Protein backbone atom coordinates (compact mmCIF):
# COMPACT_ATOMS: atom_id res chain seq x y z
CA UNK A 1 139.37 100.49 63.08
CA UNK A 2 142.45 98.67 64.29
CA UNK A 3 145.91 99.27 62.89
CA UNK A 4 146.95 97.02 60.01
CA UNK A 5 143.36 96.20 59.05
CA UNK A 6 142.10 96.71 55.53
CA UNK A 7 138.61 97.40 54.22
CA UNK A 8 137.37 97.33 50.64
CA UNK A 9 133.84 97.93 49.35
CA UNK A 10 132.14 98.78 46.02
CA UNK A 11 130.19 102.05 46.12
CA UNK A 12 128.26 103.90 43.40
CA UNK A 13 128.91 107.68 43.22
CA UNK A 14 126.68 109.70 40.82
CA UNK A 15 125.86 106.63 38.72
CA UNK A 16 129.46 105.39 38.42
CA UNK A 17 130.72 102.38 40.33
CA UNK A 18 133.94 102.80 42.29
CA UNK A 19 135.96 100.49 44.50
CA UNK A 20 136.82 102.16 47.82
CA UNK A 21 139.69 100.80 49.86
CA UNK A 22 140.81 102.16 53.24
CA UNK A 23 143.62 101.02 55.50
CA UNK A 24 145.23 102.21 58.72
CA UNK A 25 148.94 101.35 58.74
CA UNK A 26 151.53 102.72 61.17
CA UNK A 27 149.31 105.61 62.26
CA UNK A 28 148.48 106.65 58.67
CA UNK A 29 145.07 106.58 57.03
CA UNK A 30 145.38 105.32 53.44
CA UNK A 31 142.37 105.82 51.16
CA UNK A 32 142.33 104.46 47.59
CA UNK A 33 139.54 104.78 45.02
CA UNK A 34 139.53 103.08 41.63
CA UNK A 35 137.05 103.29 38.79
CA UNK A 36 135.66 99.86 38.01
CA UNK A 37 135.21 100.68 34.30
CA UNK A 38 138.34 102.70 33.37
CA UNK A 39 140.67 101.38 36.13
CA UNK A 40 141.70 104.96 37.06
CA UNK A 41 143.03 105.25 40.59
CA UNK A 42 143.12 108.04 43.20
CA UNK A 43 145.14 107.55 46.40
CA UNK A 44 145.76 109.66 49.51
CA UNK A 45 147.62 109.22 52.81
CA UNK A 46 146.64 111.24 55.90
CA UNK A 47 148.37 111.47 59.27
CA UNK A 48 146.53 112.19 62.59
CA UNK A 49 147.64 115.83 62.67
CA UNK A 50 146.14 116.52 59.24
CA UNK A 51 142.84 114.81 60.12
CA UNK A 52 142.46 116.63 63.45
CA UNK A 53 143.31 119.99 61.85
CA UNK A 54 140.75 119.32 59.10
CA UNK A 55 138.01 118.54 61.62
CA UNK A 56 138.93 121.60 63.67
CA UNK A 57 138.53 123.85 60.61
CA UNK A 58 135.05 122.50 59.97
CA UNK A 59 133.98 123.51 63.50
CA UNK A 60 133.29 119.97 64.71
CA UNK A 61 136.54 118.56 66.07
CA UNK A 62 137.10 114.82 65.93
CA UNK A 63 140.07 112.80 67.06
CA UNK A 64 141.91 110.56 64.60
CA UNK A 65 140.54 107.19 65.88
CA UNK A 66 137.00 108.56 65.95
CA UNK A 67 137.34 109.90 62.42
CA UNK A 68 138.61 106.52 61.20
CA UNK A 69 135.63 104.80 62.84
CA UNK A 70 133.25 107.25 61.18
CA UNK A 71 134.85 106.61 57.77
CA UNK A 72 134.64 102.85 58.29
CA UNK A 73 130.92 103.11 59.18
CA UNK A 74 130.35 105.18 56.04
CA UNK A 75 132.13 102.61 53.84
CA UNK A 76 130.27 99.69 55.39
CA UNK A 77 126.98 101.69 55.40
CA UNK A 78 126.21 100.65 58.97
CA UNK A 79 125.09 104.09 60.16
CA UNK A 80 122.67 106.66 58.77
CA UNK A 81 124.56 109.55 60.36
CA UNK A 82 127.60 109.26 58.07
CA UNK A 83 127.62 109.02 54.26
CA UNK A 84 130.20 109.33 51.46
CA UNK A 85 130.31 111.38 48.28
CA UNK A 86 132.96 111.74 45.53
CA UNK A 87 133.39 115.22 44.01
CA UNK A 88 135.67 116.91 41.53
CA UNK A 89 137.37 120.23 42.13
CA UNK A 90 134.61 122.10 40.26
CA UNK A 91 131.90 120.37 42.28
CA UNK A 92 133.74 121.24 45.48
CA UNK A 93 134.04 124.92 44.52
CA UNK A 94 130.34 125.03 43.67
CA UNK A 95 129.50 123.50 47.05
CA UNK A 96 131.68 126.02 48.88
CA UNK A 97 130.16 128.98 47.05
CA UNK A 98 126.66 127.73 47.67
CA UNK A 99 127.40 127.34 51.34
CA UNK A 100 128.92 130.81 51.52
CA UNK A 101 125.96 132.35 49.63
CA UNK A 102 127.97 133.43 46.57
CA UNK A 103 126.51 132.93 43.09
CA UNK A 104 128.99 130.86 41.11
CA UNK A 105 130.09 132.08 37.69
CA UNK A 106 131.96 130.15 35.05
CA UNK A 107 135.67 131.06 35.01
CA UNK A 108 137.23 132.29 31.79
CA UNK A 109 140.69 130.75 32.18
CA UNK A 110 141.38 127.05 32.13
CA UNK A 111 141.97 125.19 35.42
CA UNK A 112 145.22 123.28 35.89
CA UNK A 113 145.12 119.66 34.89
CA UNK A 114 146.26 118.52 38.37
CA UNK A 115 143.22 120.12 40.01
CA UNK A 116 140.80 118.76 37.45
CA UNK A 117 142.25 115.28 37.79
CA UNK A 118 142.08 115.32 41.60
CA UNK A 119 139.07 113.82 43.37
CA UNK A 120 137.68 114.66 46.81
CA UNK A 121 136.14 112.00 49.02
CA UNK A 122 133.57 113.84 51.17
CA UNK A 123 132.61 112.34 54.55
CA UNK A 124 129.21 113.84 55.45
CA UNK A 125 128.30 113.77 59.14
CA UNK A 126 124.60 114.51 59.71
CA UNK A 127 123.41 115.63 63.13
CA UNK A 128 119.95 116.75 64.23
CA UNK A 129 120.00 120.28 62.75
CA UNK A 130 123.30 120.41 60.84
CA UNK A 131 125.48 118.63 58.27
CA UNK A 132 129.27 118.69 58.45
CA UNK A 133 131.44 117.93 55.39
CA UNK A 134 134.95 116.52 55.83
CA UNK A 135 136.78 116.62 52.41
CA UNK A 136 139.69 114.23 51.83
CA UNK A 137 141.77 115.18 48.71
CA UNK A 138 142.85 112.20 46.59
CA UNK A 139 145.49 112.92 43.88
CA UNK A 140 145.22 111.08 40.57
CA UNK A 141 147.60 108.12 40.31
CA UNK A 142 146.67 106.92 36.85
CA UNK A 143 145.97 103.55 35.42
CA UNK A 144 147.73 100.52 36.86
CA UNK A 145 150.79 99.09 35.02
CA UNK A 146 149.88 95.92 33.06
CA UNK A 147 153.10 94.21 34.08
CA UNK A 148 152.36 94.87 37.73
CA UNK A 149 148.85 93.60 37.26
CA UNK A 150 150.06 90.40 35.58
CA UNK A 151 152.58 89.84 38.35
CA UNK A 152 149.86 90.29 40.97
CA UNK A 153 147.57 87.92 39.08
CA UNK A 154 150.25 85.23 39.00
CA UNK A 155 150.83 85.62 42.75
CA UNK A 156 147.15 85.33 43.47
CA UNK A 157 146.82 82.22 41.33
CA UNK A 158 149.73 80.55 43.12
CA UNK A 159 148.22 81.35 46.49
CA UNK A 160 144.87 79.98 45.38
CA UNK A 161 146.39 76.72 44.16
CA UNK A 162 148.27 76.30 47.42
CA UNK A 163 145.13 76.84 49.41
CA UNK A 164 143.14 74.38 47.31
CA UNK A 165 145.82 71.67 47.53
CA UNK A 166 146.70 71.93 51.21
CA UNK A 167 143.62 73.58 52.60
CA UNK A 168 141.36 70.55 52.13
CA UNK A 169 143.69 68.22 53.98
CA UNK A 170 144.16 70.80 56.70
CA UNK A 171 140.44 71.26 57.18
CA UNK A 172 139.97 67.50 57.28
CA UNK A 173 142.66 67.20 59.93
CA UNK A 174 140.97 69.90 61.99
CA UNK A 175 137.63 68.12 61.71
CA UNK A 176 139.21 64.83 62.73
CA UNK A 177 140.83 66.45 65.77
CA UNK A 178 137.52 68.00 66.80
CA UNK A 179 135.70 64.69 66.48
CA UNK A 180 138.39 62.91 68.50
CA UNK A 181 138.04 65.47 71.29
CA UNK A 182 134.27 64.99 71.30
CA UNK A 183 134.73 61.22 71.38
CA UNK A 184 137.01 61.49 74.41
CA UNK A 185 134.43 63.62 76.24
CA UNK A 186 131.67 61.13 75.43
CA UNK A 187 133.80 58.26 76.71
CA UNK A 188 134.44 60.09 79.99
CA UNK A 189 130.71 60.75 80.44
CA UNK A 190 129.97 57.08 79.69
CA UNK A 191 132.44 55.90 82.33
CA UNK A 192 131.03 58.27 84.95
CA UNK A 193 127.45 57.19 84.21
CA UNK A 194 128.48 53.53 84.43
CA UNK A 195 130.00 54.13 87.85
CA UNK A 196 126.84 55.88 89.06
CA UNK A 197 124.67 53.03 87.74
CA UNK A 198 126.83 50.45 89.47
CA UNK A 199 126.63 52.37 92.74
CA UNK A 200 122.84 52.56 92.46
CA UNK A 201 122.57 48.85 91.78
CA UNK A 202 124.69 48.05 94.82
CA UNK A 203 122.62 50.34 97.02
CA UNK A 204 119.41 48.75 95.73
CA UNK A 205 120.59 45.21 96.54
CA UNK A 206 121.76 46.18 100.04
CA UNK A 207 118.92 45.63 102.63
CA UNK A 208 120.48 48.00 105.14
CA UNK A 209 120.21 50.86 102.71
CA UNK A 210 116.52 50.05 102.21
CA UNK A 211 115.94 50.09 105.94
CA UNK A 212 117.74 53.41 106.17
CA UNK A 213 115.52 54.80 103.45
CA UNK A 214 112.36 53.65 105.25
CA UNK A 215 113.67 55.07 108.51
CA UNK A 216 114.37 58.40 106.88
CA UNK A 217 110.91 58.40 105.34
CA UNK A 218 109.34 57.72 108.74
CA UNK A 219 111.34 60.55 110.26
CA UNK A 220 110.23 62.89 107.49
CA UNK A 221 106.59 61.84 107.92
CA UNK A 222 106.79 62.36 111.69
CA UNK A 223 108.32 65.76 111.25
CA UNK A 224 105.59 66.73 108.80
CA UNK A 225 102.89 65.64 111.27
CA UNK A 226 104.56 67.61 114.05
CA UNK A 227 104.72 70.60 111.77
CA UNK A 228 100.98 70.36 111.05
CA UNK A 229 100.21 70.05 114.77
CA UNK A 230 102.41 73.01 115.64
CA UNK A 231 100.73 75.08 112.96
CA UNK A 232 97.27 74.21 114.30
CA UNK A 233 98.39 74.94 117.85
CA UNK A 234 99.88 78.26 116.84
CA UNK A 235 96.67 79.19 115.03
CA UNK A 236 94.56 78.33 118.08
CA UNK A 237 96.85 80.27 120.38
CA UNK A 238 96.79 83.17 117.96
CA UNK A 239 92.98 83.20 117.85
CA UNK A 240 92.85 82.97 121.65
CA UNK A 241 95.27 85.85 121.99
CA UNK A 242 93.23 87.86 119.54
CA UNK A 243 90.11 87.29 121.63
CA UNK A 244 91.98 88.23 124.80
CA UNK A 245 93.24 91.32 123.10
CA UNK A 246 89.71 92.31 122.07
CA UNK A 247 88.45 91.75 125.63
CA UNK A 248 91.30 93.78 127.05
CA UNK A 249 90.60 96.57 124.59
CA UNK A 250 86.93 96.57 125.60
CA UNK A 251 87.87 96.60 129.29
CA UNK A 252 90.28 99.42 128.62
CA UNK A 253 87.56 101.44 126.94
CA UNK A 254 85.18 100.79 129.84
CA UNK A 255 87.84 101.75 132.37
CA UNK A 256 88.58 104.93 130.46
CA UNK A 257 84.90 105.82 130.42
CA UNK A 258 84.56 105.07 134.14
CA UNK A 259 87.70 107.06 134.81
CA UNK A 260 86.25 110.06 132.98
CA UNK A 261 82.99 109.73 134.92
CA UNK A 262 84.85 109.43 138.22
CA UNK A 263 86.93 112.47 137.40
CA UNK A 264 83.80 114.47 136.68
CA UNK A 265 82.24 113.17 139.92
CA UNK A 266 85.35 113.99 141.95
CA UNK A 267 85.46 117.46 140.45
CA UNK A 268 81.81 118.11 141.29
CA UNK A 269 82.23 116.73 144.82
CA UNK A 270 85.34 118.86 145.32
CA UNK A 271 83.44 121.96 144.26
CA UNK A 272 80.54 121.11 146.58
CA UNK A 273 82.94 120.42 149.44
CA UNK A 274 84.60 123.77 148.87
CA UNK A 275 81.22 125.49 148.90
CA UNK A 276 80.27 123.66 152.11
CA UNK A 277 83.49 124.77 153.77
CA UNK A 278 82.76 128.35 152.83
CA UNK A 279 79.35 128.07 154.54
CA UNK A 280 77.03 127.87 151.51
CA UNK A 281 74.88 125.05 152.78
CA UNK A 282 71.63 125.72 150.95
CA UNK A 283 72.98 126.00 147.36
CA UNK A 284 75.11 122.89 147.82
CA UNK A 285 72.18 120.88 149.13
CA UNK A 286 70.25 121.97 146.07
CA UNK A 287 73.03 120.62 143.80
CA UNK A 288 73.00 117.14 145.35
CA UNK A 289 72.19 114.40 142.89
CA UNK A 290 68.59 114.14 141.72
CA UNK A 291 68.28 110.62 143.08
CA UNK A 292 68.85 111.73 146.70
CA UNK A 293 66.33 114.58 146.36
CA UNK A 294 63.82 112.22 144.78
CA UNK A 295 64.18 109.79 147.66
CA UNK A 296 63.78 112.62 150.20
CA UNK A 297 60.66 113.95 148.51
CA UNK A 298 59.17 110.46 148.16
CA UNK A 299 59.82 109.76 151.85
CA UNK A 300 58.19 113.09 152.74
CA UNK A 301 55.08 112.21 150.78
CA UNK A 302 54.92 108.76 152.38
CA UNK A 303 55.33 110.22 155.87
CA UNK A 304 52.58 112.79 155.17
CA UNK A 305 50.23 110.03 154.01
CA UNK A 306 51.04 107.89 157.06
CA UNK A 307 50.06 110.58 159.57
CA UNK A 308 53.19 112.57 160.27
CA UNK A 309 51.82 115.60 158.44
CA UNK A 310 49.78 116.69 161.48
CA UNK A 311 52.87 118.15 163.07
CA UNK A 312 53.31 120.51 160.06
CA UNK A 313 49.71 121.74 160.02
CA UNK A 314 50.42 124.85 161.96
CA UNK A 315 51.95 127.36 159.59
CA UNK A 316 52.92 129.93 162.21
CA UNK A 317 54.86 127.50 164.35
CA UNK A 318 56.49 126.06 161.21
CA UNK A 319 57.84 129.45 160.15
CA UNK A 320 59.19 130.09 163.63
CA UNK A 321 60.77 126.64 163.69
CA UNK A 322 62.45 127.21 160.31
CA UNK A 323 63.87 130.55 161.49
CA UNK A 324 65.24 128.97 164.65
CA UNK A 325 66.63 126.06 162.61
CA UNK A 326 68.45 128.41 160.23
CA UNK A 327 70.00 130.25 163.18
CA UNK A 328 71.13 126.95 164.68
CA UNK A 329 72.67 125.92 161.34
CA UNK A 330 74.57 129.22 161.17
CA UNK A 331 75.91 128.61 164.71
CA UNK A 332 76.95 125.10 163.77
CA UNK A 333 78.68 126.38 160.62
CA UNK A 334 80.59 129.00 162.62
CA UNK A 335 81.58 126.36 165.12
CA UNK A 336 82.77 124.08 162.34
CA UNK A 337 84.72 126.88 160.66
CA UNK A 338 86.41 127.83 163.95
CA UNK A 339 87.21 124.22 164.88
CA UNK A 340 89.77 121.96 163.26
CA UNK A 341 88.93 120.82 159.78
CA UNK A 342 89.13 117.26 158.66
CA UNK A 343 92.21 116.46 156.70
CA UNK A 344 91.41 115.21 153.20
CA UNK A 345 94.19 112.95 152.00
CA UNK A 346 95.34 113.61 148.51
CA UNK A 347 96.42 110.78 146.31
CA UNK A 348 100.14 110.60 145.93
CA UNK A 349 101.40 110.73 142.35
CA UNK A 350 102.06 107.31 140.97
CA UNK A 351 105.70 106.60 140.13
CA UNK A 352 104.75 104.61 137.09
CA UNK A 353 102.75 107.39 135.43
CA UNK A 354 99.03 107.58 134.73
CA UNK A 355 98.46 103.83 134.64
CA UNK A 356 94.83 102.68 134.59
CA UNK A 357 94.07 100.58 137.76
CA UNK A 358 92.98 97.02 137.31
CA UNK A 359 89.46 95.84 138.15
CA UNK A 360 89.19 94.63 141.78
CA UNK A 361 86.06 92.50 142.48
CA UNK A 362 86.43 92.78 146.29
CA UNK A 363 86.60 96.56 146.15
CA UNK A 364 83.63 96.61 143.80
CA UNK A 365 81.50 94.53 146.24
CA UNK A 366 82.55 96.68 149.21
CA UNK A 367 81.72 99.84 147.29
CA UNK A 368 78.27 98.47 146.40
CA UNK A 369 77.60 97.60 150.06
CA UNK A 370 78.70 101.07 151.10
CA UNK A 371 76.32 102.62 148.57
CA UNK A 372 73.45 100.50 149.88
CA UNK A 373 74.17 101.64 153.44
CA UNK A 374 74.32 105.27 152.31
CA UNK A 375 70.94 104.88 150.61
CA UNK A 376 69.45 103.48 153.81
CA UNK A 377 70.97 106.36 155.78
CA UNK A 378 69.46 108.84 153.34
CA UNK A 379 66.05 107.23 153.78
CA UNK A 380 66.37 107.49 157.58
CA UNK A 381 67.46 111.10 157.34
CA UNK A 382 64.56 111.90 155.00
CA UNK A 383 62.12 110.35 157.49
CA UNK A 384 63.66 112.43 160.28
CA UNK A 385 63.23 115.55 158.19
CA UNK A 386 59.44 115.32 158.70
CA UNK A 387 59.83 116.20 162.37
CA UNK A 388 61.99 119.27 161.95
CA UNK A 389 62.96 121.44 158.94
CA UNK A 390 66.49 121.77 160.23
CA UNK A 391 67.16 118.07 159.73
CA UNK A 392 66.54 118.52 155.98
CA UNK A 393 69.63 120.72 155.82
CA UNK A 394 71.56 118.22 157.93
CA UNK A 395 70.53 115.43 155.54
CA UNK A 396 72.08 117.34 152.67
CA UNK A 397 75.33 117.66 154.62
CA UNK A 398 75.23 113.94 155.47
CA UNK A 399 76.21 113.05 151.87
CA UNK A 400 79.65 114.65 152.25
CA UNK A 401 80.83 114.74 155.89
CA UNK A 402 80.35 111.35 157.55
CA UNK A 403 82.47 111.81 160.68
CA UNK A 404 80.40 114.56 162.34
CA UNK A 405 76.88 113.56 161.21
CA UNK A 406 75.67 112.12 164.48
CA UNK A 407 76.97 114.93 166.63
CA UNK A 408 75.46 117.63 164.41
CA UNK A 409 72.02 115.93 164.24
CA UNK A 410 72.00 115.40 168.00
CA UNK A 411 72.97 119.02 168.54
CA UNK A 412 70.19 120.26 166.26
CA UNK A 413 67.58 118.00 167.84
CA UNK A 414 68.55 119.14 171.30
CA UNK A 415 68.28 122.79 170.23
CA UNK A 416 64.88 122.44 168.48
CA UNK A 417 62.12 124.26 170.39
CA UNK A 418 59.41 121.94 169.13
CA UNK A 419 60.99 118.98 170.84
CA UNK A 420 59.38 120.11 174.11
CA UNK A 421 55.97 120.16 172.44
CA UNK A 422 56.16 116.72 170.69
CA UNK A 423 54.65 113.78 172.39
CA UNK A 424 56.60 111.03 174.09
CA UNK A 425 55.87 108.56 171.33
CA UNK A 426 57.32 110.80 168.67
CA UNK A 427 60.43 111.48 170.76
CA UNK A 428 61.03 107.80 171.33
CA UNK A 429 60.63 107.10 167.62
CA UNK A 430 63.04 109.91 166.78
CA UNK A 431 65.57 108.56 169.29
CA UNK A 432 65.29 105.08 167.82
CA UNK A 433 65.83 106.31 164.29
CA UNK A 434 68.69 108.56 165.38
CA UNK A 435 70.35 105.63 167.14
CA UNK A 436 70.01 103.51 164.00
CA UNK A 437 71.46 106.35 161.93
CA UNK A 438 74.46 106.62 164.27
CA UNK A 439 75.05 102.87 164.04
CA UNK A 440 75.06 103.03 160.23
CA UNK A 441 77.47 105.96 160.36
CA UNK A 442 79.73 104.03 162.71
CA UNK A 443 79.66 101.05 160.36
CA UNK A 444 80.60 103.27 157.45
CA UNK A 445 83.48 104.81 159.39
CA UNK A 446 84.88 101.42 160.38
CA UNK A 447 84.43 100.06 156.81
CA UNK A 448 82.13 97.11 157.72
């Protein structure tokens, strides 16, 4: 509640109607209550120190402005948390005793007239689980003086007559001024709209402006068509890129799978090469791929059916030949282990990391040709194995060491005892096949 403001409301306390008036003037809270029937008045003035001390004693401290706002809300009945009640001194004592838990008893002696005449305006502040009472004592003032009342009535009548005589003209003048201001605004809007209309009419009659409009429309239409074309082009390029991406992903998966297979193949070949270098020829030849063994066994069966099996009919000579062949292989292995070993180049680490190589069609075709030549060599070696058991072991070694194949086969054939027993036709056929084998090996070494 602001200073200098005044509030007055009619409130019913315990079935009796009272007029409650409150005012804050010069930092003082003035509360006045008057009975509407008897015209009795009770008035009290309270400074901020008294109000703050009163709230502190109740246990719920409130500052002076906050207390005035609470009292105003209670008078206006705008809040359910604060209410008002009007008590006498006896009612206040009964309330205090009830709150303290003491049974009240009627007093024998008479109370002073000042206390019985005083009234207490109780401001009740209700919180969630508690109710706080702020009592404001209001001393009895008495009934108003009739002379003062008549004087006040005359002043009010004079003020009312002045307002009725001059207030109508004043309100009419205010209304006229407001209407004049609105008329001026409407005139300004009318002038502005007239100027805009004139400008539009001039632009409509001008042919150059029409041509400009058509030109702008053509430009806008062209830009819209270009936008549609660009959108279609971007969609096509996006779909094409999506397809390329899918193809690249598929190629990447295939390359990864081939890389894994090649790694497994390289690992197995490395292990077999290590075993060959240690001298374990027979187990390594047994671990050669099933396709090579199948081709060797099929060639053996074909050679047996074609007539080359007559050389193997004698079991005693075959056992002696196998023993001599094994001894020759052991000599060749010792010679290879004592001699210089072929240097196997190791791939240098790539500076760009483990990047997957791209597909090379030329290398793929060359690799396929090389595999075809190796298959033909294996067939020739398998056909040579029918004439001597030692060449079967050499054929197994032919899959891994290409540089010394011809020399080792020639050495074994020259050391075979059965070569002196074979006929001239068989020797010439063996020489022809051996020469063809050496030519294929030479082609593989040169890369043709």
